[in-house]
N, C-alpha and C. Protein backbone atom coordinates (compact mmCIF):
# COMPACT_ATOMS: atom_id res chain seq x y z
N UNK A 1 -9.16 19.07 19.31
CA UNK A 1 -9.47 20.49 19.32
C UNK A 1 -9.32 21.03 17.90
N UNK A 2 -10.27 21.82 17.45
CA UNK A 2 -10.23 22.41 16.12
C UNK A 2 -9.28 23.58 16.06
N UNK A 3 -8.59 23.67 14.95
CA UNK A 3 -7.70 24.79 14.73
C UNK A 3 -8.52 26.04 14.41
N UNK A 4 -8.06 27.20 14.84
CA UNK A 4 -8.76 28.44 14.53
C UNK A 4 -8.51 28.86 13.08
N UNK A 5 -7.56 28.24 12.43
CA UNK A 5 -7.23 28.56 11.05
C UNK A 5 -7.59 27.36 10.17
N UNK A 6 -8.80 27.33 9.67
CA UNK A 6 -9.31 26.17 8.93
C UNK A 6 -8.57 25.96 7.61
N UNK A 7 -8.39 27.03 6.84
CA UNK A 7 -7.72 26.92 5.55
C UNK A 7 -6.24 27.22 5.71
N UNK A 8 -5.42 26.31 5.27
CA UNK A 8 -3.98 26.51 5.30
C UNK A 8 -3.45 26.29 3.89
N UNK A 9 -2.70 27.24 3.38
CA UNK A 9 -2.17 27.13 2.04
C UNK A 9 -3.24 27.32 0.98
N UNK A 10 -3.79 28.52 0.88
CA UNK A 10 -4.87 28.84 -0.04
C UNK A 10 -4.30 29.39 -1.34
N UNK A 11 -4.82 28.91 -2.48
CA UNK A 11 -4.42 29.40 -3.80
C UNK A 11 -5.65 29.66 -4.63
N UNK A 12 -5.55 30.68 -5.50
CA UNK A 12 -6.65 30.95 -6.42
C UNK A 12 -6.13 31.70 -7.63
N UNK A 13 -6.77 31.46 -8.76
CA UNK A 13 -6.50 32.22 -9.97
C UNK A 13 -7.81 32.85 -10.41
N UNK A 14 -7.75 34.14 -10.68
CA UNK A 14 -8.93 34.90 -11.06
C UNK A 14 -8.64 35.56 -12.40
N UNK A 15 -9.62 35.52 -13.28
CA UNK A 15 -9.49 36.18 -14.58
C UNK A 15 -10.60 37.22 -14.71
N UNK A 16 -10.21 38.43 -15.09
CA UNK A 16 -11.17 39.51 -15.29
C UNK A 16 -11.02 40.00 -16.72
N UNK A 17 -12.11 39.97 -17.45
CA UNK A 17 -12.12 40.34 -18.86
C UNK A 17 -12.46 41.82 -19.01
N UNK A 18 -11.66 42.52 -19.81
CA UNK A 18 -11.91 43.93 -20.13
C UNK A 18 -12.34 44.04 -21.58
N UNK A 19 -12.77 45.23 -21.96
CA UNK A 19 -13.26 45.44 -23.33
C UNK A 19 -12.16 45.26 -24.37
N UNK A 20 -10.93 45.63 -24.01
CA UNK A 20 -9.82 45.52 -24.96
C UNK A 20 -8.51 45.38 -24.20
N UNK A 21 -7.46 44.98 -24.91
CA UNK A 21 -6.15 44.79 -24.24
C UNK A 21 -5.59 46.07 -23.61
N UNK A 22 -5.88 47.22 -24.21
CA UNK A 22 -5.37 48.48 -23.66
C UNK A 22 -5.90 48.71 -22.24
N UNK A 23 -7.19 48.45 -22.03
CA UNK A 23 -7.76 48.64 -20.69
C UNK A 23 -7.15 47.66 -19.69
N UNK A 24 -6.96 46.42 -20.09
CA UNK A 24 -6.34 45.44 -19.20
C UNK A 24 -4.93 45.88 -18.82
N UNK A 25 -4.18 46.41 -19.77
CA UNK A 25 -2.82 46.87 -19.48
C UNK A 25 -2.79 48.12 -18.61
N UNK A 26 -3.77 49.01 -18.79
CA UNK A 26 -3.86 50.20 -17.95
C UNK A 26 -4.11 49.80 -16.50
N UNK A 27 -5.03 48.86 -16.30
CA UNK A 27 -5.32 48.40 -14.94
C UNK A 27 -4.11 47.68 -14.35
N UNK A 28 -3.44 46.86 -15.15
CA UNK A 28 -2.21 46.21 -14.67
C UNK A 28 -1.19 47.25 -14.23
N UNK A 29 -1.02 48.30 -15.03
CA UNK A 29 -0.08 49.36 -14.68
C UNK A 29 -0.45 50.06 -13.39
N UNK A 30 -1.75 50.22 -13.16
CA UNK A 30 -2.18 50.88 -11.92
C UNK A 30 -1.96 49.99 -10.70
N UNK A 31 -1.88 48.68 -10.89
CA UNK A 31 -1.68 47.75 -9.78
C UNK A 31 -0.21 47.50 -9.45
N UNK A 32 0.69 47.80 -10.38
CA UNK A 32 2.11 47.50 -10.17
C UNK A 32 2.69 48.10 -8.89
N UNK A 33 2.37 49.35 -8.54
CA UNK A 33 2.91 49.87 -7.26
C UNK A 33 2.44 49.05 -6.06
N UNK A 34 1.23 48.54 -6.13
CA UNK A 34 0.71 47.73 -5.02
C UNK A 34 1.43 46.39 -4.95
N UNK A 35 1.72 45.80 -6.10
CA UNK A 35 2.42 44.52 -6.14
C UNK A 35 3.84 44.67 -5.60
N UNK A 36 4.52 45.72 -6.02
CA UNK A 36 5.92 45.93 -5.63
C UNK A 36 6.05 46.54 -4.24
N UNK A 37 5.06 47.32 -3.81
CA UNK A 37 5.19 48.08 -2.59
C UNK A 37 4.70 47.41 -1.33
N UNK A 38 4.08 46.25 -1.47
CA UNK A 38 3.54 45.62 -0.25
C UNK A 38 3.98 44.16 -0.15
N UNK A 39 5.27 43.95 0.07
CA UNK A 39 5.72 42.57 0.22
C UNK A 39 5.17 41.95 1.50
N UNK A 40 4.83 40.69 1.40
CA UNK A 40 4.29 39.98 2.55
C UNK A 40 4.89 38.59 2.60
N UNK A 41 5.16 38.12 3.79
CA UNK A 41 5.66 36.76 3.91
C UNK A 41 4.50 35.77 3.97
N UNK A 42 3.27 36.28 4.07
CA UNK A 42 2.09 35.40 4.15
C UNK A 42 1.36 35.26 2.82
N UNK A 43 1.57 36.20 1.88
CA UNK A 43 0.84 36.19 0.63
C UNK A 43 1.75 36.52 -0.54
N UNK A 44 1.54 35.82 -1.65
CA UNK A 44 2.24 36.10 -2.89
C UNK A 44 1.20 36.34 -3.97
N UNK A 45 1.36 37.45 -4.71
CA UNK A 45 0.42 37.81 -5.76
C UNK A 45 1.18 38.01 -7.06
N UNK A 46 0.65 37.44 -8.13
CA UNK A 46 1.22 37.61 -9.45
C UNK A 46 0.09 38.04 -10.38
N UNK A 47 0.32 39.11 -11.14
CA UNK A 47 -0.72 39.62 -12.04
C UNK A 47 -0.10 39.81 -13.42
N UNK A 48 -0.81 39.30 -14.42
CA UNK A 48 -0.40 39.43 -15.82
C UNK A 48 -1.62 39.72 -16.67
N UNK A 49 -1.36 40.06 -17.92
CA UNK A 49 -2.45 40.19 -18.88
C UNK A 49 -2.22 39.23 -20.04
N UNK A 50 -3.29 38.79 -20.62
CA UNK A 50 -3.27 38.04 -21.87
C UNK A 50 -4.42 38.57 -22.69
N UNK A 51 -4.06 39.25 -23.78
CA UNK A 51 -5.04 39.94 -24.61
C UNK A 51 -5.83 40.90 -23.73
N UNK A 52 -7.14 40.74 -23.61
CA UNK A 52 -7.92 41.68 -22.80
C UNK A 52 -8.29 41.11 -21.44
N UNK A 53 -7.56 40.10 -21.00
CA UNK A 53 -7.83 39.45 -19.72
C UNK A 53 -6.74 39.77 -18.70
N UNK A 54 -7.17 40.20 -17.53
CA UNK A 54 -6.27 40.41 -16.40
C UNK A 54 -6.30 39.13 -15.57
N UNK A 55 -5.14 38.52 -15.37
CA UNK A 55 -5.05 37.25 -14.65
C UNK A 55 -4.33 37.48 -13.32
N UNK A 56 -5.02 37.13 -12.24
CA UNK A 56 -4.48 37.33 -10.90
C UNK A 56 -4.29 35.97 -10.24
N UNK A 57 -3.11 35.73 -9.74
CA UNK A 57 -2.81 34.50 -9.02
C UNK A 57 -2.41 34.86 -7.60
N UNK A 58 -3.15 34.32 -6.63
CA UNK A 58 -2.88 34.60 -5.23
C UNK A 58 -2.56 33.30 -4.50
N UNK A 59 -1.46 33.29 -3.78
CA UNK A 59 -1.09 32.18 -2.92
C UNK A 59 -0.90 32.74 -1.52
N UNK A 60 -1.59 32.16 -0.55
CA UNK A 60 -1.51 32.66 0.81
C UNK A 60 -1.30 31.50 1.78
N UNK A 61 -0.67 31.81 2.89
CA UNK A 61 -0.42 30.79 3.91
C UNK A 61 -1.64 30.51 4.77
N UNK A 62 -2.60 31.45 4.79
CA UNK A 62 -3.79 31.24 5.61
C UNK A 62 -4.97 31.99 5.00
N UNK A 63 -6.17 31.67 5.48
CA UNK A 63 -7.37 32.24 4.90
C UNK A 63 -7.51 33.74 5.16
N UNK A 64 -7.05 34.23 6.29
CA UNK A 64 -7.17 35.66 6.59
C UNK A 64 -6.33 36.49 5.63
N UNK A 65 -5.09 36.07 5.38
CA UNK A 65 -4.24 36.84 4.47
C UNK A 65 -4.72 36.70 3.02
N UNK A 66 -5.27 35.53 2.67
CA UNK A 66 -5.83 35.35 1.33
C UNK A 66 -7.00 36.32 1.12
N UNK A 67 -7.92 36.34 2.07
CA UNK A 67 -9.10 37.20 1.94
C UNK A 67 -8.71 38.67 1.90
N UNK A 68 -7.75 39.07 2.71
CA UNK A 68 -7.31 40.46 2.72
C UNK A 68 -6.70 40.86 1.38
N UNK A 69 -5.86 39.99 0.82
CA UNK A 69 -5.25 40.28 -0.48
C UNK A 69 -6.30 40.33 -1.58
N UNK A 70 -7.16 39.35 -1.60
CA UNK A 70 -8.21 39.30 -2.62
C UNK A 70 -9.08 40.56 -2.57
N UNK A 71 -9.54 40.92 -1.38
CA UNK A 71 -10.38 42.11 -1.25
C UNK A 71 -9.65 43.37 -1.69
N UNK A 72 -8.39 43.50 -1.32
CA UNK A 72 -7.62 44.68 -1.70
C UNK A 72 -7.48 44.79 -3.21
N UNK A 73 -7.08 43.71 -3.86
CA UNK A 73 -6.90 43.75 -5.31
C UNK A 73 -8.20 43.97 -6.04
N UNK A 74 -9.27 43.37 -5.59
CA UNK A 74 -10.57 43.59 -6.24
C UNK A 74 -11.02 45.05 -6.08
N UNK A 75 -10.77 45.66 -4.93
CA UNK A 75 -11.12 47.08 -4.74
C UNK A 75 -10.29 47.97 -5.67
N UNK A 76 -8.98 47.69 -5.78
CA UNK A 76 -8.12 48.50 -6.65
C UNK A 76 -8.52 48.33 -8.11
N UNK A 77 -8.88 47.12 -8.51
CA UNK A 77 -9.32 46.89 -9.88
C UNK A 77 -10.63 47.61 -10.15
N UNK A 78 -11.54 47.55 -9.20
CA UNK A 78 -12.83 48.25 -9.35
C UNK A 78 -12.60 49.75 -9.49
N UNK A 79 -11.74 50.31 -8.66
CA UNK A 79 -11.44 51.73 -8.73
C UNK A 79 -10.84 52.10 -10.09
N UNK A 80 -9.89 51.31 -10.57
CA UNK A 80 -9.27 51.57 -11.87
C UNK A 80 -10.30 51.49 -12.98
N UNK A 81 -11.20 50.52 -12.90
CA UNK A 81 -12.25 50.38 -13.92
C UNK A 81 -13.19 51.57 -13.91
N UNK A 82 -13.53 52.06 -12.72
CA UNK A 82 -14.40 53.23 -12.62
C UNK A 82 -13.73 54.47 -13.21
N UNK A 83 -12.43 54.61 -13.01
CA UNK A 83 -11.70 55.73 -13.59
C UNK A 83 -11.67 55.61 -15.11
N UNK A 84 -11.47 54.40 -15.63
CA UNK A 84 -11.53 54.19 -17.09
C UNK A 84 -12.90 54.56 -17.64
N UNK A 85 -13.95 54.20 -16.92
CA UNK A 85 -15.31 54.54 -17.35
C UNK A 85 -15.51 56.05 -17.39
N UNK A 86 -14.99 56.76 -16.39
CA UNK A 86 -15.09 58.22 -16.39
C UNK A 86 -14.36 58.82 -17.58
N UNK A 87 -13.23 58.25 -17.91
CA UNK A 87 -12.46 58.72 -19.06
C UNK A 87 -13.23 58.53 -20.35
N UNK A 88 -13.95 57.42 -20.45
CA UNK A 88 -14.78 57.16 -21.63
C UNK A 88 -15.93 58.17 -21.74
N UNK A 89 -16.51 58.52 -20.60
CA UNK A 89 -17.62 59.46 -20.58
C UNK A 89 -17.19 60.87 -20.91
N UNK A 90 -15.96 61.24 -20.56
CA UNK A 90 -15.44 62.59 -20.77
C UNK A 90 -14.09 62.54 -21.49
N UNK A 91 -14.08 62.12 -22.75
CA UNK A 91 -12.77 61.96 -23.44
C UNK A 91 -12.02 63.28 -23.62
N UNK A 92 -12.68 64.41 -23.66
CA UNK A 92 -12.00 65.68 -23.83
C UNK A 92 -11.23 66.10 -22.58
N UNK A 93 -11.56 65.52 -21.42
CA UNK A 93 -10.88 65.91 -20.19
C UNK A 93 -9.46 65.34 -20.08
N UNK A 94 -9.10 64.39 -20.97
CA UNK A 94 -7.75 63.81 -20.94
C UNK A 94 -6.76 64.62 -21.75
N UNK A 95 -7.21 65.64 -22.45
CA UNK A 95 -6.31 66.47 -23.27
C UNK A 95 -5.67 67.55 -22.47
């Protein structure tokens, strides 16, 4: 009989390149509450920056928790990037 959980012990490392190190650090800062505020016994997430690259490491016990974590972090990163773009378009609004 086939198991309903095909993937067991899923790991992935994702790198997202930003225009400069400041943007990568801003996005990292926006993700910190999510990293600290949502502990899970099924998923472990580690996020760092190196120069202008945001590095995300996800380890999950199963494919469902891996996919949920990946989708959540990608949505938060996309939102942060869109906010950075708005700031670039309207630099006077940050004063």
